[in-house]
Every structure is written in structure tokens, then in C-alpha cells.
Amino acid sequence: MVKPSAWASHILVESKSEAIQLKQKIGKLKDFQKIARKKSSCPSSQKGGDLGWFRQGQMVPEFDAAVWETPIKETSEPIKTKFGYHLIWVHDREDQ
């Protein structure tokens, strides 16, 4: 069986407080992409944080869980992983 896939973008920062402050500035996707380009420490920042499509289970567990729990076209709460704190924008999901 093929695992479901999702298309998401993220912003990666060092602290929860910074993630909270950034989340308050995001209203729509354009805001998210602009902040990702300026603030995210991930190489995906060059693409506005876009990670493209990926299968369930491909990302670290905390990130993966948040992608499946966050409503589509909304910003997640700050998610802590071994890399830092993420804000995730879920563009779309396919349950296969």
C-alpha cells in the first residue's frame, strides 16, 4: 500500500519565542513565503520554505505528525524537532 503524501512548506528557527512571533505575522501564504525567505535557517528558505510533496513517514516524527494534524492552508503551532522550531504551512494532502 502506498502511504499518503502531503505538500508543505516550513520556516525553521532556533527558538519557540521567535516561532510564536513569526506565526503572529502570518495571515496568508504570501506572508508565510516572505517570512520563510527572510528568517528560515533551512535551505528551503530560498523557495519560500517549499518542501514539495513527500510521503507520510519521510520527515522526523514530530514534523510528520504536525503535517497530518494541521488544517490545509493554515500555519501550524510551533513544532519542536532536533533541528529547531518549525512553522508548517500545509498546501495539500492526498490520502491514498
PDB file of N, CA and C in Angstrom:
ATOM      1  N   MET A   1       0.829  -1.187   0.000  1.00  0.00           N
ATOM      2  CA  MET A   1       0.000   0.000   0.000  1.00  0.00           C
ATOM      3  C   MET A   1       0.881   1.260   0.000  1.00  0.00           C
ATOM      4  N   VAL A   2       0.492   2.216  -0.787  1.00  0.00           N
ATOM      5  CA  VAL A   2       1.252   3.459  -0.872  1.00  0.00           C
ATOM      6  C   VAL A   2       0.833   4.386   0.260  1.00  0.00           C
ATOM      7  N   LYS A   3       1.803   4.978   0.918  1.00  0.00           N
ATOM      8  CA  LYS A   3       1.497   5.889   2.025  1.00  0.00           C
ATOM      9  C   LYS A   3       0.954   7.206   1.483  1.00  0.00           C
ATOM     10  N   PRO A   4       0.103   7.878   2.270  1.00  0.00           N
ATOM     11  CA  PRO A   4      -0.414   9.184   1.854  1.00  0.00           C
ATOM     12  C   PRO A   4       0.726  10.180   1.688  1.00  0.00           C
ATOM     13  N   SER A   5       0.496  11.201   0.878  1.00  0.00           N
ATOM     14  CA  SER A   5       1.521  12.223   0.684  1.00  0.00           C
ATOM     15  C   SER A   5       0.956  13.603   0.991  1.00  0.00           C
ATOM     16  N   ALA A   6       1.867  14.535   1.230  1.00  0.00           N
ATOM     17  CA  ALA A   6       1.480  15.914   1.554  1.00  0.00           C
ATOM     18  C   ALA A   6       2.446  16.859   0.871  1.00  0.00           C
ATOM     19  N   TRP A   7       1.970  18.074   0.640  1.00  0.00           N
ATOM     20  CA  TRP A   7       2.804  19.147   0.113  1.00  0.00           C
ATOM     21  C   TRP A   7       2.810  20.233   1.168  1.00  0.00           C
ATOM     22  N   ALA A   8       3.991  20.556   1.665  1.00  0.00           N
ATOM     23  CA  ALA A   8       4.087  21.537   2.746  1.00  0.00           C
ATOM     24  C   ALA A   8       5.306  22.441   2.578  1.00  0.00           C
ATOM     25  N   SER A   9       5.239  23.570   3.268  1.00  0.00           N
ATOM     26  CA  SER A   9       6.359  24.494   3.378  1.00  0.00           C
ATOM     27  C   SER A   9       6.636  24.678   4.866  1.00  0.00           C
ATOM     28  N   HIS A  10       7.845  25.125   5.187  1.00  0.00           N
ATOM     29  CA  HIS A  10       8.114  25.368   6.603  1.00  0.00           C
ATOM     30  C   HIS A  10       9.095  26.511   6.793  1.00  0.00           C
ATOM     31  N   ILE A  11       9.086  27.013   8.011  1.00  0.00           N
ATOM     32  CA  ILE A  11      10.034  28.021   8.468  1.00  0.00           C
ATOM     33  C   ILE A  11      10.751  27.391   9.652  1.00  0.00           C
ATOM     34  N   LEU A  12      12.066  27.391   9.639  1.00  0.00           N
ATOM     35  CA  LEU A  12      12.861  26.794  10.713  1.00  0.00           C
ATOM     36  C   LEU A  12      13.634  27.889  11.438  1.00  0.00           C
ATOM     37  N   VAL A  13      13.403  27.989  12.758  1.00  0.00           N
ATOM     38  CA  VAL A  13      14.101  28.976  13.589  1.00  0.00           C
ATOM     39  C   VAL A  13      14.625  28.286  14.853  1.00  0.00           C
ATOM     40  N   GLU A  14      15.458  28.994  15.606  1.00  0.00           N
ATOM     41  CA  GLU A  14      16.099  28.391  16.774  1.00  0.00           C
ATOM     42  C   GLU A  14      15.228  28.342  18.020  1.00  0.00           C
ATOM     43  N   SER A  15      14.347  29.355  18.204  1.00  0.00           N
ATOM     44  CA  SER A  15      13.620  29.416  19.474  1.00  0.00           C
ATOM     45  C   SER A  15      12.105  29.391  19.291  1.00  0.00           C
ATOM     46  N   LYS A  16      11.431  28.886  20.311  1.00  0.00           N
ATOM     47  CA  LYS A  16       9.979  28.843  20.295  1.00  0.00           C
ATOM     48  C   LYS A  16       9.411  30.266  20.294  1.00  0.00           C
ATOM     49  N   SER A  17      10.036  31.157  21.046  1.00  0.00           N
ATOM     50  CA  SER A  17       9.527  32.534  21.110  1.00  0.00           C
ATOM     51  C   SER A  17       9.598  33.203  19.734  1.00  0.00           C
ATOM     52  N   GLU A  18      10.670  32.953  18.981  1.00  0.00           N
ATOM     53  CA  GLU A  18      10.759  33.526  17.632  1.00  0.00           C
ATOM     54  C   GLU A  18       9.676  32.930  16.729  1.00  0.00           C
ATOM     55  N   ALA A  19       9.456  31.624  16.844  1.00  0.00           N
ATOM     56  CA  ALA A  19       8.419  30.968  16.039  1.00  0.00           C
ATOM     57  C   ALA A  19       7.035  31.554  16.350  1.00  0.00           C
ATOM     58  N   ILE A  20       6.761  31.791  17.620  1.00  0.00           N
ATOM     59  CA  ILE A  20       5.476  32.371  18.028  1.00  0.00           C
ATOM     60  C   ILE A  20       5.320  33.775  17.443  1.00  0.00           C
ATOM     61  N   GLN A  21       6.372  34.577  17.538  1.00  0.00           N
ATOM     62  CA  GLN A  21       6.326  35.943  16.992  1.00  0.00           C
ATOM     63  C   GLN A  21       6.084  35.925  15.484  1.00  0.00           C
ATOM     64  N   LEU A  22       6.756  35.032  14.772  1.00  0.00           N
ATOM     65  CA  LEU A  22       6.586  34.949  13.324  1.00  0.00           C
ATOM     66  C   LEU A  22       5.178  34.486  12.954  1.00  0.00           C
ATOM     67  N   LYS A  23       4.663  33.517  13.700  1.00  0.00           N
ATOM     68  CA  LYS A  23       3.315  32.999  13.414  1.00  0.00           C
ATOM     69  C   LYS A  23       2.278  34.123  13.478  1.00  0.00           C
ATOM     70  N   GLN A  24       2.451  35.060  14.394  1.00  0.00           N
ATOM     71  CA  GLN A  24       1.502  36.162  14.552  1.00  0.00           C
ATOM     72  C   GLN A  24       1.490  37.089  13.337  1.00  0.00           C
ATOM     73  N   LYS A  25       2.550  37.051  12.533  1.00  0.00           N
ATOM     74  CA  LYS A  25       2.650  37.918  11.353  1.00  0.00           C
ATOM     75  C   LYS A  25       2.125  37.247  10.086  1.00  0.00           C
ATOM     76  N   ILE A  26       1.734  35.979  10.192  1.00  0.00           N
ATOM     77  CA  ILE A  26       1.314  35.224   9.007  1.00  0.00           C
ATOM     78  C   ILE A  26      -0.208  35.182   8.916  1.00  0.00           C
ATOM     79  N   GLY A  27      -0.714  35.735   7.834  1.00  0.00           N
ATOM     80  CA  GLY A  27      -2.150  35.680   7.590  1.00  0.00           C
ATOM     81  C   GLY A  27      -2.474  34.803   6.397  1.00  0.00           C
ATOM     82  N   LYS A  28      -1.599  34.868   5.396  1.00  0.00           N
ATOM     83  CA  LYS A  28      -1.828  34.103   4.173  1.00  0.00           C
ATOM     84  C   LYS A  28      -0.508  33.533   3.669  1.00  0.00           C
ATOM     85  N   LEU A  29      -0.591  32.742   2.623  1.00  0.00           N
ATOM     86  CA  LEU A  29       0.592  32.060   2.085  1.00  0.00           C
ATOM     87  C   LEU A  29       1.703  33.037   1.704  1.00  0.00           C
ATOM     88  N   LYS A  30       1.369  34.159   1.082  1.00  0.00           N
ATOM     89  CA  LYS A  30       2.406  35.134   0.688  1.00  0.00           C
ATOM     90  C   LYS A  30       3.201  35.617   1.904  1.00  0.00           C
ATOM     91  N   ASP A  31       2.510  35.846   3.035  1.00  0.00           N
ATOM     92  CA  ASP A  31       3.194  36.247   4.274  1.00  0.00           C
ATOM     93  C   ASP A  31       4.169  35.149   4.698  1.00  0.00           C
ATOM     94  N   PHE A  32       3.673  33.912   4.672  1.00  0.00           N
ATOM     95  CA  PHE A  32       4.488  32.764   5.081  1.00  0.00           C
ATOM     96  C   PHE A  32       5.751  32.683   4.230  1.00  0.00           C
ATOM     97  N   GLN A  33       5.591  32.783   2.907  1.00  0.00           N
ATOM     98  CA  GLN A  33       6.734  32.659   1.998  1.00  0.00           C
ATOM     99  C   GLN A  33       7.744  33.785   2.204  1.00  0.00           C
ATOM    100  N   LYS A  34       7.245  34.988   2.408  1.00  0.00           N
ATOM    101  CA  LYS A  34       8.120  36.145   2.610  1.00  0.00           C
ATOM    102  C   LYS A  34       8.952  35.970   3.888  1.00  0.00           C
ATOM    103  N   ILE A  35       8.295  35.537   4.968  1.00  0.00           N
ATOM    104  CA  ILE A  35       8.987  35.327   6.239  1.00  0.00           C
ATOM    105  C   ILE A  35       9.979  34.165   6.124  1.00  0.00           C
ATOM    106  N   ALA A  36       9.587  33.112   5.408  1.00  0.00           N
ATOM    107  CA  ALA A  36      10.492  31.967   5.217  1.00  0.00           C
ATOM    108  C   ALA A  36      11.776  32.418   4.528  1.00  0.00           C
ATOM    109  N   ARG A  37      11.648  33.250   3.497  1.00  0.00           N
ATOM    110  CA  ARG A  37      12.837  33.719   2.768  1.00  0.00           C
ATOM    111  C   ARG A  37      13.764  34.523   3.666  1.00  0.00           C
ATOM    112  N   LYS A  38      13.189  35.300   4.573  1.00  0.00           N
ATOM    113  CA  LYS A  38      13.994  36.186   5.427  1.00  0.00           C
ATOM    114  C   LYS A  38      14.526  35.516   6.687  1.00  0.00           C
ATOM    115  N   LYS A  39      13.727  34.621   7.288  1.00  0.00           N
ATOM    116  CA  LYS A  39      14.037  34.145   8.639  1.00  0.00           C
ATOM    117  C   LYS A  39      14.417  32.667   8.760  1.00  0.00           C
ATOM    118  N   SER A  40      13.979  31.830   7.828  1.00  0.00           N
ATOM    119  CA  SER A  40      14.204  30.391   7.987  1.00  0.00           C
ATOM    120  C   SER A  40      15.672  30.022   7.792  1.00  0.00           C
ATOM    121  N   SER A  41      16.166  29.132   8.643  1.00  0.00           N
ATOM    122  CA  SER A  41      17.562  28.688   8.531  1.00  0.00           C
ATOM    123  C   SER A  41      17.706  27.446   7.653  1.00  0.00           C
ATOM    124  N   CYS A  42      16.616  26.957   7.098  1.00  0.00           N
ATOM    125  CA  CYS A  42      16.651  25.784   6.217  1.00  0.00           C
ATOM    126  C   CYS A  42      16.971  26.225   4.786  1.00  0.00           C
ATOM    127  N   PRO A  43      17.709  25.412   4.026  1.00  0.00           N
ATOM    128  CA  PRO A  43      17.971  25.761   2.621  1.00  0.00           C
ATOM    129  C   PRO A  43      16.684  25.972   1.810  1.00  0.00           C
ATOM    130  N   SER A  44      15.576  25.389   2.238  1.00  0.00           N
ATOM    131  CA  SER A  44      14.300  25.571   1.531  1.00  0.00           C
ATOM    132  C   SER A  44      13.814  27.019   1.601  1.00  0.00           C
ATOM    133  N   SER A  45      14.456  27.836   2.440  1.00  0.00           N
ATOM    134  CA  SER A  45      14.057  29.237   2.566  1.00  0.00           C
ATOM    135  C   SER A  45      14.142  29.944   1.208  1.00  0.00           C
ATOM    136  N   GLN A  46      15.070  29.515   0.363  1.00  0.00           N
ATOM    137  CA  GLN A  46      15.237  30.108  -0.971  1.00  0.00           C
ATOM    138  C   GLN A  46      13.954  29.972  -1.797  1.00  0.00           C
ATOM    139  N   LYS A  47      13.182  28.926  -1.508  1.00  0.00           N
ATOM    140  CA  LYS A  47      11.937  28.678  -2.240  1.00  0.00           C
ATOM    141  C   LYS A  47      10.725  29.050  -1.387  1.00  0.00           C
ATOM    142  N   GLY A  48      10.895  29.961  -0.461  1.00  0.00           N
ATOM    143  CA  GLY A  48       9.781  30.351   0.404  1.00  0.00           C
ATOM    144  C   GLY A  48       9.399  29.254   1.382  1.00  0.00           C
ATOM    145  N   GLY A  49      10.358  28.364   1.658  1.00  0.00           N
ATOM    146  CA  GLY A  49      10.121  27.270   2.597  1.00  0.00           C
ATOM    147  C   GLY A  49       9.512  26.021   1.976  1.00  0.00           C
ATOM    148  N   ASP A  50       9.289  26.040   0.666  1.00  0.00           N
ATOM    149  CA  ASP A  50       8.588  24.932  -0.008  1.00  0.00           C
ATOM    150  C   ASP A  50       9.414  23.648   0.030  1.00  0.00           C
ATOM    151  N   LEU A  51       8.817  22.592   0.584  1.00  0.00           N
ATOM    152  CA  LEU A  51       9.469  21.280   0.652  1.00  0.00           C
ATOM    153  C   LEU A  51       8.976  20.343  -0.447  1.00  0.00           C
ATOM    154  N   GLY A  52       7.964  20.787  -1.202  1.00  0.00           N
ATOM    155  CA  GLY A  52       7.393  19.935  -2.237  1.00  0.00           C
ATOM    156  C   GLY A  52       6.560  18.816  -1.625  1.00  0.00           C
ATOM    157  N   TRP A  53       6.266  17.812  -2.450  1.00  0.00           N
ATOM    158  CA  TRP A  53       5.465  16.655  -1.999  1.00  0.00           C
ATOM    159  C   TRP A  53       6.375  15.633  -1.328  1.00  0.00           C
ATOM    160  N   PHE A  54       5.878  15.015  -0.267  1.00  0.00           N
ATOM    161  CA  PHE A  54       6.616  13.942   0.401  1.00  0.00           C
ATOM    162  C   PHE A  54       5.613  12.965   1.003  1.00  0.00           C
ATOM    163  N   ARG A  55       6.073  11.753   1.220  1.00  0.00           N
ATOM    164  CA  ARG A  55       5.217  10.688   1.771  1.00  0.00           C
ATOM    165  C   ARG A  55       5.197  10.739   3.290  1.00  0.00           C
ATOM    166  N   GLN A  56       4.101  10.260   3.848  1.00  0.00           N
ATOM    167  CA  GLN A  56       3.993  10.156   5.292  1.00  0.00           C
ATOM    168  C   GLN A  56       5.127   9.258   5.792  1.00  0.00           C
ATOM    169  N   GLY A  57       5.827   9.719   6.846  1.00  0.00           N
ATOM    170  CA  GLY A  57       6.927   8.945   7.408  1.00  0.00           C
ATOM    171  C   GLY A  57       8.302   9.365   6.901  1.00  0.00           C
ATOM    172  N   GLN A  58       8.366  10.258   5.910  1.00  0.00           N
ATOM    173  CA  GLN A  58       9.661  10.687   5.368  1.00  0.00           C
ATOM    174  C   GLN A  58      10.354  11.729   6.236  1.00  0.00           C
ATOM    175  N   MET A  59       9.577  12.489   7.000  1.00  0.00           N
ATOM    176  CA  MET A  59      10.139  13.551   7.830  1.00  0.00           C
ATOM    177  C   MET A  59      10.320  13.054   9.267  1.00  0.00           C
ATOM    178  N   VAL A  60      11.022  13.834  10.099  1.00  0.00           N
ATOM    179  CA  VAL A  60      11.171  13.442  11.506  1.00  0.00           C
ATOM    180  C   VAL A  60       9.775  13.329  12.126  1.00  0.00           C
ATOM    181  N   PRO A  61       9.591  12.442  13.118  1.00  0.00           N
ATOM    182  CA  PRO A  61       8.250  12.132  13.632  1.00  0.00           C
ATOM    183  C   PRO A  61       7.402  13.337  14.057  1.00  0.00           C
ATOM    184  N   GLU A  62       7.996  14.294  14.765  1.00  0.00           N
ATOM    185  CA  GLU A  62       7.223  15.444  15.247  1.00  0.00           C
ATOM    186  C   GLU A  62       6.706  16.294  14.080  1.00  0.00           C
ATOM    187  N   PHE A  63       7.562  16.476  13.096  1.00  0.00           N
ATOM    188  CA  PHE A  63       7.203  17.253  11.901  1.00  0.00           C
ATOM    189  C   PHE A  63       6.122  16.504  11.127  1.00  0.00           C
ATOM    190  N   ASP A  64       6.344  15.220  10.935  1.00  0.00           N
ATOM    191  CA  ASP A  64       5.409  14.371  10.198  1.00  0.00           C
ATOM    192  C   ASP A  64       4.016  14.428  10.822  1.00  0.00           C
ATOM    193  N   ALA A  65       3.940  14.280  12.133  1.00  0.00           N
ATOM    194  CA  ALA A  65       2.646  14.300  12.824  1.00  0.00           C
ATOM    195  C   ALA A  65       1.938  15.636  12.606  1.00  0.00           C
ATOM    196  N   ALA A  66       2.685  16.724  12.692  1.00  0.00           N
ATOM    197  CA  ALA A  66       2.090  18.056  12.541  1.00  0.00           C
ATOM    198  C   ALA A  66       1.530  18.268  11.136  1.00  0.00           C
ATOM    199  N   VAL A  67       2.194  17.714  10.126  1.00  0.00           N
ATOM    200  CA  VAL A  67       1.725  17.866   8.748  1.00  0.00           C
ATOM    201  C   VAL A  67       0.343  17.228   8.582  1.00  0.00           C
ATOM    202  N   TRP A  68       0.091  16.141   9.295  1.00  0.00           N
ATOM    203  CA  TRP A  68      -1.191  15.436   9.152  1.00  0.00           C
ATOM    204  C   TRP A  68      -2.258  16.009  10.074  1.00  0.00           C
ATOM    205  N   GLU A  69      -1.855  16.789  11.085  1.00  0.00           N
ATOM    206  CA  GLU A  69      -2.825  17.378  12.027  1.00  0.00           C
ATOM    207  C   GLU A  69      -3.198  18.815  11.684  1.00  0.00           C
ATOM    208  N   THR A  70      -2.336  19.530  10.994  1.00  0.00           N
ATOM    209  CA  THR A  70      -2.571  20.945  10.677  1.00  0.00           C
ATOM    210  C   THR A  70      -3.592  21.068   9.550  1.00  0.00           C
ATOM    211  N   PRO A  71      -4.592  21.914   9.724  1.00  0.00           N
ATOM    212  CA  PRO A  71      -5.558  22.120   8.623  1.00  0.00           C
ATOM    213  C   PRO A  71      -4.858  22.652   7.371  1.00  0.00           C
ATOM    214  N   ILE A  72      -5.353  22.273   6.216  1.00  0.00           N
ATOM    215  CA  ILE A  72      -4.795  22.724   4.944  1.00  0.00           C
ATOM    216  C   ILE A  72      -4.941  24.241   4.832  1.00  0.00           C
ATOM    217  N   LYS A  73      -3.891  24.873   4.297  1.00  0.00           N
ATOM    218  CA  LYS A  73      -3.824  26.331   4.094  1.00  0.00           C
ATOM    219  C   LYS A  73      -3.868  27.115   5.399  1.00  0.00           C
ATOM    220  N   GLU A  74      -3.274  26.536   6.440  1.00  0.00           N
ATOM    221  CA  GLU A  74      -3.116  27.229   7.721  1.00  0.00           C
ATOM    222  C   GLU A  74      -1.704  26.982   8.235  1.00  0.00           C
ATOM    223  N   THR A  75      -1.284  27.823   9.174  1.00  0.00           N
ATOM    224  CA  THR A  75       0.046  27.681   9.770  1.00  0.00           C
ATOM    225  C   THR A  75      -0.063  26.883  11.061  1.00  0.00           C
ATOM    226  N   SER A  76       0.822  25.930  11.230  1.00  0.00           N
ATOM    227  CA  SER A  76       0.833  25.113  12.448  1.00  0.00           C
ATOM    228  C   SER A  76       1.292  25.941  13.642  1.00  0.00           C
ATOM    229  N   GLU A  77       1.079  25.389  14.810  1.00  0.00           N
ATOM    230  CA  GLU A  77       1.709  25.920  16.019  1.00  0.00           C
ATOM    231  C   GLU A  77       3.202  25.590  15.896  1.00  0.00           C
ATOM    232  N   PRO A  78       4.079  26.243  16.669  1.00  0.00           N
ATOM    233  CA  PRO A  78       5.499  25.882  16.613  1.00  0.00           C
ATOM    234  C   PRO A  78       5.713  24.397  16.974  1.00  0.00           C
ATOM    235  N   ILE A  79       6.478  23.709  16.160  1.00  0.00           N
ATOM    236  CA  ILE A  79       6.762  22.282  16.348  1.00  0.00           C
ATOM    237  C   ILE A  79       8.250  22.131  16.633  1.00  0.00           C
ATOM    238  N   LYS A  80       8.579  21.504  17.769  1.00  0.00           N
ATOM    239  CA  LYS A  80       9.992  21.313  18.122  1.00  0.00           C
ATOM    240  C   LYS A  80      10.491  19.977  17.577  1.00  0.00           C
ATOM    241  N   THR A  81      11.629  20.040  16.876  1.00  0.00           N
ATOM    242  CA  THR A  81      12.321  18.828  16.437  1.00  0.00           C
ATOM    243  C   THR A  81      13.796  18.981  16.804  1.00  0.00           C
ATOM    244  N   LYS A  82      14.598  17.994  16.458  1.00  0.00           N
ATOM    245  CA  LYS A  82      16.034  18.080  16.744  1.00  0.00           C
ATOM    246  C   LYS A  82      16.700  19.200  15.950  1.00  0.00           C
ATOM    247  N   PHE A  83      16.025  19.734  14.935  1.00  0.00           N
ATOM    248  CA  PHE A  83      16.586  20.804  14.099  1.00  0.00           C
ATOM    249  C   PHE A  83      16.283  22.197  14.637  1.00  0.00           C
ATOM    250  N   GLY A  84      15.250  22.305  15.463  1.00  0.00           N
ATOM    251  CA  GLY A  84      14.821  23.603  15.979  1.00  0.00           C
ATOM    252  C   GLY A  84      13.301  23.664  16.021  1.00  0.00           C
ATOM    253  N   TYR A  85      12.752  24.861  15.803  1.00  0.00           N
ATOM    254  CA  TYR A  85      11.303  25.049  15.832  1.00  0.00           C
ATOM    255  C   TYR A  85      10.796  25.355  14.427  1.00  0.00           C
ATOM    256  N   HIS A  86       9.758  24.647  14.046  1.00  0.00           N
ATOM    257  CA  HIS A  86       9.188  24.784  12.706  1.00  0.00           C
ATOM    258  C   HIS A  86       7.799  25.402  12.782  1.00  0.00           C
ATOM    259  N   LEU A  87       7.495  26.221  11.789  1.00  0.00           N
ATOM    260  CA  LEU A  87       6.119  26.594  11.485  1.00  0.00           C
ATOM    261  C   LEU A  87       5.860  25.923  10.146  1.00  0.00           C
ATOM    262  N   ILE A  88       4.742  25.239  10.038  1.00  0.00           N
ATOM    263  CA  ILE A  88       4.456  24.464   8.831  1.00  0.00           C
ATOM    264  C   ILE A  88       3.189  24.990   8.172  1.00  0.00           C
ATOM    265  N   TRP A  89       3.247  25.165   6.877  1.00  0.00           N
ATOM    266  CA  TRP A  89       2.077  25.518   6.073  1.00  0.00           C
ATOM    267  C   TRP A  89       1.781  24.311   5.197  1.00  0.00           C
ATOM    268  N   VAL A  90       0.602  23.722   5.338  1.00  0.00           N
ATOM    269  CA  VAL A  90       0.219  22.562   4.538  1.00  0.00           C
ATOM    270  C   VAL A  90      -0.569  23.052   3.326  1.00  0.00           C
ATOM    271  N   HIS A  91      -0.007  22.855   2.144  1.00  0.00           N
ATOM    272  CA  HIS A  91      -0.672  23.263   0.912  1.00  0.00           C
ATOM    273  C   HIS A  91      -1.782  22.293   0.540  1.00  0.00           C
ATOM    274  N   ASP A  92      -1.466  20.988   0.630  1.00  0.00           N
ATOM    275  CA  ASP A  92      -2.419  19.979   0.180  1.00  0.00           C
ATOM    276  C   ASP A  92      -1.996  18.620   0.736  1.00  0.00           C
ATOM    277  N   ARG A  93      -2.955  17.691   0.754  1.00  0.00           N
ATOM    278  CA  ARG A  93      -2.683  16.319   1.182  1.00  0.00           C
ATOM    279  C   ARG A  93      -3.445  15.374   0.269  1.00  0.00           C
ATOM    280  N   GLU A  94      -2.863  14.218   0.050  1.00  0.00           N
ATOM    281  CA  GLU A  94      -3.542  13.143  -0.708  1.00  0.00           C
ATOM    282  C   GLU A  94      -3.532  11.892   0.148  1.00  0.00           C
ATOM    283  N   ASP A  95      -4.697  11.414   0.465  1.00  0.00           N
ATOM    284  CA  ASP A  95      -4.806  10.158   1.216  1.00  0.00           C
ATOM    285  C   ASP A  95      -4.987   9.047   0.185  1.00  0.00           C
ATOM    286  N   GLN A  96      -3.942   8.204   0.065  1.00  0.00           N
ATOM    287  CA  GLN A  96      -4.007   7.150  -0.947  1.00  0.00           C
ATOM    288  C   GLN A  96      -4.130   5.795  -0.316  1.00  0.00           C
TER     289      GLN A  96
END
